[in-house]
């Protein structure tokens, strides 16, 4: 599948703003050299260290659920190689900012290189335990979590603005993608079954599952 075919395949399932952002971010910048030819296969691909880059349709769905708008401040948990952050950065534009946290220093370094090579300047990569969020830049308009948690981490809920939205997978063997909206309390909606790598950390899983 090439880039145009991939984008066409998403036309009926997500908003035009998501398609537009994905058209401006080249996925090959975020893949190991040996896999660049597969950049527009709609499937997860390995990026090393037992981690993956999400399938393009999953990135599109999560961005669509978050309803990202120009100027928003976004927290991403599980930055990986930087692709998902890059798409969100394209959606929030130059007046917005994406803070992307990743626990593996090798991936933080890789993502920084990838983002620089792709010419993306409104993503800040930070090495830390993403299950605890990033309180120094909170509260966030949107939070995107690209690793499955045993439950919705309380620190992430508390770092969400009132009116803000968070999308994350929850579960061990069977995982559901949740959309969490902060109102007076928290509204939690189950959206679909998914498969993600585990969120390792104090508020996540203690080890690989």
C-alpha atoms as a PDB file:
ATOM      1  CA  UNK A   1       0.000   0.000   0.000  1.00  0.00           C
ATOM      2  CA  UNK A   2       1.289   3.480  -0.775  1.00  0.00           C
ATOM      3  CA  UNK A   3       0.619   6.711   1.088  1.00  0.00           C
ATOM      4  CA  UNK A   4      -2.307   7.826  -1.081  1.00  0.00           C
ATOM      5  CA  UNK A   5      -4.006   4.411  -0.837  1.00  0.00           C
ATOM      6  CA  UNK A   6      -3.606   4.425   2.941  1.00  0.00           C
ATOM      7  CA  UNK A   7      -5.106   7.892   3.283  1.00  0.00           C
ATOM      8  CA  UNK A   8      -7.971   6.958   0.955  1.00  0.00           C
ATOM      9  CA  UNK A   9      -8.709   3.902   3.113  1.00  0.00           C
ATOM     10  CA  UNK A  10      -9.211   6.185   6.139  1.00  0.00           C
ATOM     11  CA  UNK A  11     -11.523   8.703   4.441  1.00  0.00           C
ATOM     12  CA  UNK A  12     -14.796   7.243   5.705  1.00  0.00           C
ATOM     13  CA  UNK A  13     -13.711   6.604   9.295  1.00  0.00           C
ATOM     14  CA  UNK A  14     -12.028   9.795  10.563  1.00  0.00           C
ATOM     15  CA  UNK A  15     -12.309  13.571  10.208  1.00  0.00           C
ATOM     16  CA  UNK A  16     -10.606  15.438   7.370  1.00  0.00           C
ATOM     17  CA  UNK A  17      -8.320  17.199   9.866  1.00  0.00           C
ATOM     18  CA  UNK A  18      -6.826  13.805  10.785  1.00  0.00           C
ATOM     19  CA  UNK A  19      -6.319  12.837   7.124  1.00  0.00           C
ATOM     20  CA  UNK A  20      -4.687  16.208   6.465  1.00  0.00           C
ATOM     21  CA  UNK A  21      -2.267  15.824   9.373  1.00  0.00           C
ATOM     22  CA  UNK A  22      -1.322  12.291   8.358  1.00  0.00           C
ATOM     23  CA  UNK A  23      -0.723  13.451   4.788  1.00  0.00           C
ATOM     24  CA  UNK A  24       1.862  15.922   6.116  1.00  0.00           C
ATOM     25  CA  UNK A  25       3.795  13.431   8.275  1.00  0.00           C
ATOM     26  CA  UNK A  26       5.957  10.865   6.499  1.00  0.00           C
ATOM     27  CA  UNK A  27       5.819   7.607   8.462  1.00  0.00           C
ATOM     28  CA  UNK A  28       9.091   6.406   6.918  1.00  0.00           C
ATOM     29  CA  UNK A  29      10.980   8.962   9.036  1.00  0.00           C
ATOM     30  CA  UNK A  30       9.895   7.019  12.130  1.00  0.00           C
ATOM     31  CA  UNK A  31      10.855   3.475  11.064  1.00  0.00           C
ATOM     32  CA  UNK A  32      14.129   1.533  11.128  1.00  0.00           C
ATOM     33  CA  UNK A  33      15.926   1.594   7.760  1.00  0.00           C
ATOM     34  CA  UNK A  34      15.026  -2.020   6.964  1.00  0.00           C
ATOM     35  CA  UNK A  35      11.292  -1.269   7.296  1.00  0.00           C
ATOM     36  CA  UNK A  36      11.022   2.076   5.474  1.00  0.00           C
ATOM     37  CA  UNK A  37       9.629   0.345   2.381  1.00  0.00           C
ATOM     38  CA  UNK A  38       6.687  -0.830   4.507  1.00  0.00           C
ATOM     39  CA  UNK A  39       5.908   2.622   5.896  1.00  0.00           C
ATOM     40  CA  UNK A  40       2.342   2.685   4.550  1.00  0.00           C
ATOM     41  CA  UNK A  41       1.376  -0.866   5.401  1.00  0.00           C
ATOM     42  CA  UNK A  42      -1.585  -0.462   7.754  1.00  0.00           C
ATOM     43  CA  UNK A  43      -0.065  -2.570  10.498  1.00  0.00           C
ATOM     44  CA  UNK A  44       2.078  -2.145  13.626  1.00  0.00           C
ATOM     45  CA  UNK A  45       5.802  -2.544  12.927  1.00  0.00           C
ATOM     46  CA  UNK A  46       8.742  -3.247  15.280  1.00  0.00           C
ATOM     47  CA  UNK A  47      11.011  -0.343  16.226  1.00  0.00           C
ATOM     48  CA  UNK A  48      13.312  -2.320  18.531  1.00  0.00           C
ATOM     49  CA  UNK A  49      13.380  -3.024  22.288  1.00  0.00           C
ATOM     50  CA  UNK A  50      10.159  -5.083  21.974  1.00  0.00           C
ATOM     51  CA  UNK A  51       8.230  -1.921  21.087  1.00  0.00           C
ATOM     52  CA  UNK A  52       6.149  -1.103  18.011  1.00  0.00           C
ATOM     53  CA  UNK A  53       4.975   1.826  15.951  1.00  0.00           C
ATOM     54  CA  UNK A  54       1.161   1.745  15.914  1.00  0.00           C
ATOM     55  CA  UNK A  55      -0.782   0.915  12.765  1.00  0.00           C
ATOM     56  CA  UNK A  56      -1.747   4.098  10.887  1.00  0.00           C
ATOM     57  CA  UNK A  57      -5.479   3.385  11.275  1.00  0.00           C
ATOM     58  CA  UNK A  58      -5.058   3.192  15.065  1.00  0.00           C
ATOM     59  CA  UNK A  59      -3.181   6.500  15.159  1.00  0.00           C
ATOM     60  CA  UNK A  60      -5.984   7.989  13.045  1.00  0.00           C
ATOM     61  CA  UNK A  61      -8.744   6.619  15.296  1.00  0.00           C
ATOM     62  CA  UNK A  62      -7.075   7.862  18.492  1.00  0.00           C
ATOM     63  CA  UNK A  63      -6.463  11.321  17.019  1.00  0.00           C
ATOM     64  CA  UNK A  64     -10.061  11.429  15.786  1.00  0.00           C
ATOM     65  CA  UNK A  65     -11.469  10.491  19.204  1.00  0.00           C
ATOM     66  CA  UNK A  66      -9.376  13.198  20.869  1.00  0.00           C
ATOM     67  CA  UNK A  67     -10.773  15.893  18.532  1.00  0.00           C
ATOM     68  CA  UNK A  68      -7.445  17.723  18.493  1.00  0.00           C
ATOM     69  CA  UNK A  69      -7.627  21.454  17.674  1.00  0.00           C
ATOM     70  CA  UNK A  70      -5.007  24.099  16.849  1.00  0.00           C
ATOM     71  CA  UNK A  71      -3.323  25.593  19.909  1.00  0.00           C
ATOM     72  CA  UNK A  72      -3.952  22.660  22.266  1.00  0.00           C
ATOM     73  CA  UNK A  73      -1.425  21.325  24.753  1.00  0.00           C
ATOM     74  CA  UNK A  74      -1.191  17.533  24.539  1.00  0.00           C
ATOM     75  CA  UNK A  75       0.471  14.886  26.701  1.00  0.00           C
ATOM     76  CA  UNK A  76       1.456  11.667  24.986  1.00  0.00           C
ATOM     77  CA  UNK A  77       2.402   8.616  27.061  1.00  0.00           C
ATOM     78  CA  UNK A  78       4.496   6.022  25.229  1.00  0.00           C
ATOM     79  CA  UNK A  79       6.316   8.131  22.658  1.00  0.00           C
ATOM     80  CA  UNK A  80       8.017   5.237  20.866  1.00  0.00           C
ATOM     81  CA  UNK A  81       9.715   6.402  17.667  1.00  0.00           C
ATOM     82  CA  UNK A  82       7.768   9.694  17.599  1.00  0.00           C
ATOM     83  CA  UNK A  83       5.258   9.072  14.791  1.00  0.00           C
ATOM     84  CA  UNK A  84       2.032   9.422  16.777  1.00  0.00           C
ATOM     85  CA  UNK A  85       3.340  12.592  18.438  1.00  0.00           C
ATOM     86  CA  UNK A  86       4.230  13.979  15.011  1.00  0.00           C
ATOM     87  CA  UNK A  87       0.686  13.490  13.714  1.00  0.00           C
ATOM     88  CA  UNK A  88      -0.784  15.146  16.808  1.00  0.00           C
ATOM     89  CA  UNK A  89       1.728  17.989  16.454  1.00  0.00           C
ATOM     90  CA  UNK A  90       0.503  18.564  12.901  1.00  0.00           C
ATOM     91  CA  UNK A  91      -3.064  18.758  14.213  1.00  0.00           C
ATOM     92  CA  UNK A  92      -2.397  21.230  17.051  1.00  0.00           C
ATOM     93  CA  UNK A  93      -0.197  23.325  14.783  1.00  0.00           C
ATOM     94  CA  UNK A  94       2.596  25.779  15.592  1.00  0.00           C
ATOM     95  CA  UNK A  95       0.624  27.391  18.429  1.00  0.00           C
ATOM     96  CA  UNK A  96       0.113  23.984  20.093  1.00  0.00           C
ATOM     97  CA  UNK A  97       2.566  21.707  21.884  1.00  0.00           C
ATOM     98  CA  UNK A  98       2.925  17.959  22.357  1.00  0.00           C
ATOM     99  CA  UNK A  99       4.846  16.686  25.374  1.00  0.00           C
ATOM    100  CA  UNK A 100       5.730  13.060  24.683  1.00  0.00           C
ATOM    101  CA  UNK A 101       7.046  10.864  27.494  1.00  0.00           C
ATOM    102  CA  UNK A 102       8.861   7.580  27.022  1.00  0.00           C
ATOM    103  CA  UNK A 103      10.567   5.400  29.640  1.00  0.00           C
ATOM    104  CA  UNK A 104      13.312   3.982  27.387  1.00  0.00           C
ATOM    105  CA  UNK A 105      16.241   6.373  26.823  1.00  0.00           C
ATOM    106  CA  UNK A 106      17.145   4.695  23.531  1.00  0.00           C
ATOM    107  CA  UNK A 107      13.672   5.415  22.162  1.00  0.00           C
ATOM    108  CA  UNK A 108      13.745   9.010  23.428  1.00  0.00           C
ATOM    109  CA  UNK A 109      16.990   9.553  21.511  1.00  0.00           C
ATOM    110  CA  UNK A 110      15.573   7.832  18.419  1.00  0.00           C
ATOM    111  CA  UNK A 111      12.355   9.861  18.516  1.00  0.00           C
ATOM    112  CA  UNK A 112      14.257  13.137  18.890  1.00  0.00           C
ATOM    113  CA  UNK A 113      16.327  12.298  15.787  1.00  0.00           C
ATOM    114  CA  UNK A 114      13.249  11.238  13.832  1.00  0.00           C
ATOM    115  CA  UNK A 115      11.296  14.375  14.724  1.00  0.00           C
ATOM    116  CA  UNK A 116      14.250  16.589  13.825  1.00  0.00           C
ATOM    117  CA  UNK A 117      14.684  14.812  10.479  1.00  0.00           C
ATOM    118  CA  UNK A 118      10.961  15.243   9.805  1.00  0.00           C
ATOM    119  CA  UNK A 119      11.199  18.973  10.559  1.00  0.00           C
ATOM    120  CA  UNK A 120       8.772  18.841  13.499  1.00  0.00           C
ATOM    121  CA  UNK A 121       9.501  21.438  16.173  1.00  0.00           C
ATOM    122  CA  UNK A 122       6.454  21.423  18.481  1.00  0.00           C
ATOM    123  CA  UNK A 123       7.111  18.065  20.164  1.00  0.00           C
ATOM    124  CA  UNK A 124       9.192  17.789  23.330  1.00  0.00           C
ATOM    125  CA  UNK A 125      10.437  14.260  24.142  1.00  0.00           C
ATOM    126  CA  UNK A 126      11.023  13.484  27.821  1.00  0.00           C
ATOM    127  CA  UNK A 127      12.357  10.329  29.492  1.00  0.00           C
ATOM    128  CA  UNK A 128      10.200   9.489  32.510  1.00  0.00           C
ATOM    129  CA  UNK A 129       7.589   7.088  33.906  1.00  0.00           C
ATOM    130  CA  UNK A 130       4.610   7.921  31.709  1.00  0.00           C
ATOM    131  CA  UNK A 131       2.142   6.213  34.033  1.00  0.00           C
ATOM    132  CA  UNK A 132       2.645   9.197  36.354  1.00  0.00           C
ATOM    133  CA  UNK A 133       2.080  11.708  33.569  1.00  0.00           C
ATOM    134  CA  UNK A 134       4.066  14.935  33.422  1.00  0.00           C
ATOM    135  CA  UNK A 135       2.766  17.220  36.187  1.00  0.00           C
ATOM    136  CA  UNK A 136       5.139  20.121  35.430  1.00  0.00           C
ATOM    137  CA  UNK A 137       3.235  21.013  32.246  1.00  0.00           C
ATOM    138  CA  UNK A 138      -0.280  20.059  33.423  1.00  0.00           C
ATOM    139  CA  UNK A 139      -3.158  20.498  32.986  1.00  0.00           C
ATOM    140  CA  UNK A 140      -3.527  19.189  29.429  1.00  0.00           C
ATOM    141  CA  UNK A 141      -6.253  19.714  26.861  1.00  0.00           C
ATOM    142  CA  UNK A 142      -5.726  16.168  25.609  1.00  0.00           C
ATOM    143  CA  UNK A 143      -3.858  13.038  26.745  1.00  0.00           C
ATOM    144  CA  UNK A 144      -3.031  10.139  24.424  1.00  0.00           C
ATOM    145  CA  UNK A 145      -1.707   6.869  25.851  1.00  0.00           C
ATOM    146  CA  UNK A 146      -0.115   4.362  23.463  1.00  0.00           C
ATOM    147  CA  UNK A 147       0.376   1.496  25.924  1.00  0.00           C
ATOM    148  CA  UNK A 148      -2.181  -0.569  27.804  1.00  0.00           C
ATOM    149  CA  UNK A 149      -2.714   0.046  31.520  1.00  0.00           C
ATOM    150  CA  UNK A 150      -4.258  -2.231  34.167  1.00  0.00           C
ATOM    151  CA  UNK A 151      -6.677   0.613  34.996  1.00  0.00           C
ATOM    152  CA  UNK A 152      -6.988   4.304  34.146  1.00  0.00           C
ATOM    153  CA  UNK A 153      -3.993   5.865  35.966  1.00  0.00           C
ATOM    154  CA  UNK A 154      -5.201   8.388  38.542  1.00  0.00           C
ATOM    155  CA  UNK A 155      -2.327  10.857  37.907  1.00  0.00           C
ATOM    156  CA  UNK A 156      -3.329  11.077  34.244  1.00  0.00           C
ATOM    157  CA  UNK A 157      -6.952  11.776  35.153  1.00  0.00           C
ATOM    158  CA  UNK A 158      -5.902  14.566  37.498  1.00  0.00           C
ATOM    159  CA  UNK A 159      -3.630  16.158  34.860  1.00  0.00           C
ATOM    160  CA  UNK A 160      -6.533  16.523  32.417  1.00  0.00           C
ATOM    161  CA  UNK A 161      -8.230  19.913  32.128  1.00  0.00           C
ATOM    162  CA  UNK A 162     -11.930  20.167  32.853  1.00  0.00           C
ATOM    163  CA  UNK A 163     -13.455  19.656  29.417  1.00  0.00           C
ATOM    164  CA  UNK A 164     -10.371  17.733  28.342  1.00  0.00           C
ATOM    165  CA  UNK A 165     -10.228  14.278  26.766  1.00  0.00           C
ATOM    166  CA  UNK A 166      -7.949  11.278  27.145  1.00  0.00           C
ATOM    167  CA  UNK A 167      -7.759   8.153  25.003  1.00  0.00           C
ATOM    168  CA  UNK A 168      -6.042   5.015  26.304  1.00  0.00           C
ATOM    169  CA  UNK A 169      -6.135   1.218  26.124  1.00  0.00           C
ATOM    170  CA  UNK A 170      -6.941  -0.658  29.347  1.00  0.00           C
ATOM    171  CA  UNK A 171      -6.621  -4.365  30.066  1.00  0.00           C
ATOM    172  CA  UNK A 172      -4.179  -7.260  30.099  1.00  0.00           C
ATOM    173  CA  UNK A 173      -5.157 -10.168  27.844  1.00  0.00           C
ATOM    174  CA  UNK A 174      -8.177  -8.386  26.402  1.00  0.00           C
ATOM    175  CA  UNK A 175      -7.846  -4.643  25.990  1.00  0.00           C
ATOM    176  CA  UNK A 176     -10.446  -1.936  25.380  1.00  0.00           C
ATOM    177  CA  UNK A 177      -9.778   1.523  24.013  1.00  0.00           C
ATOM    178  CA  UNK A 178     -11.359   4.051  26.376  1.00  0.00           C
ATOM    179  CA  UNK A 179     -12.275   7.680  25.793  1.00  0.00           C
ATOM    180  CA  UNK A 180     -12.233   9.590  29.082  1.00  0.00           C
ATOM    181  CA  UNK A 181     -13.806  13.057  29.230  1.00  0.00           C
ATOM    182  CA  UNK A 182     -13.373  15.235  32.321  1.00  0.00           C
ATOM    183  CA  UNK A 183     -16.548  17.109  33.190  1.00  0.00           C
ATOM    184  CA  UNK A 184     -17.695  17.589  36.787  1.00  0.00           C
ATOM    185  CA  UNK A 185     -16.468  14.036  37.158  1.00  0.00           C
ATOM    186  CA  UNK A 186     -15.091  11.645  34.567  1.00  0.00           C
ATOM    187  CA  UNK A 187     -17.107  10.118  31.739  1.00  0.00           C
ATOM    188  CA  UNK A 188     -15.581   6.836  30.465  1.00  0.00           C
ATOM    189  CA  UNK A 189     -16.671   5.325  27.133  1.00  0.00           C
ATOM    190  CA  UNK A 190     -15.503   1.988  25.729  1.00  0.00           C
ATOM    191  CA  UNK A 191     -14.780   2.339  21.998  1.00  0.00           C
ATOM    192  CA  UNK A 192     -13.229  -0.867  20.622  1.00  0.00           C
ATOM    193  CA  UNK A 193     -11.018  -3.854  21.301  1.00  0.00           C
ATOM    194  CA  UNK A 194      -7.301  -3.197  20.720  1.00  0.00           C
ATOM    195  CA  UNK A 195      -3.832  -4.697  21.232  1.00  0.00           C
ATOM    196  CA  UNK A 196      -1.021  -2.538  22.652  1.00  0.00           C
ATOM    197  CA  UNK A 197       2.275  -3.115  24.442  1.00  0.00           C
ATOM    198  CA  UNK A 198       2.009  -2.739  28.246  1.00  0.00           C
ATOM    199  CA  UNK A 199       2.395   0.535  30.107  1.00  0.00           C
ATOM    200  CA  UNK A 200       5.265  -0.191  32.494  1.00  0.00           C
ATOM    201  CA  UNK A 201       5.503   2.010  35.580  1.00  0.00           C
ATOM    202  CA  UNK A 202       4.277   2.876  39.034  1.00  0.00           C
ATOM    203  CA  UNK A 203       0.652   3.290  37.894  1.00  0.00           C
ATOM    204  CA  UNK A 204       0.947   0.721  35.101  1.00  0.00           C
ATOM    205  CA  UNK A 205       2.129  -2.865  34.959  1.00  0.00           C
ATOM    206  CA  UNK A 206       5.260  -3.686  36.944  1.00  0.00           C
ATOM    207  CA  UNK A 207       6.768  -5.800  34.163  1.00  0.00           C
ATOM    208  CA  UNK A 208       6.226  -6.916  30.587  1.00  0.00           C
ATOM    209  CA  UNK A 209       3.025  -8.963  30.163  1.00  0.00           C
END
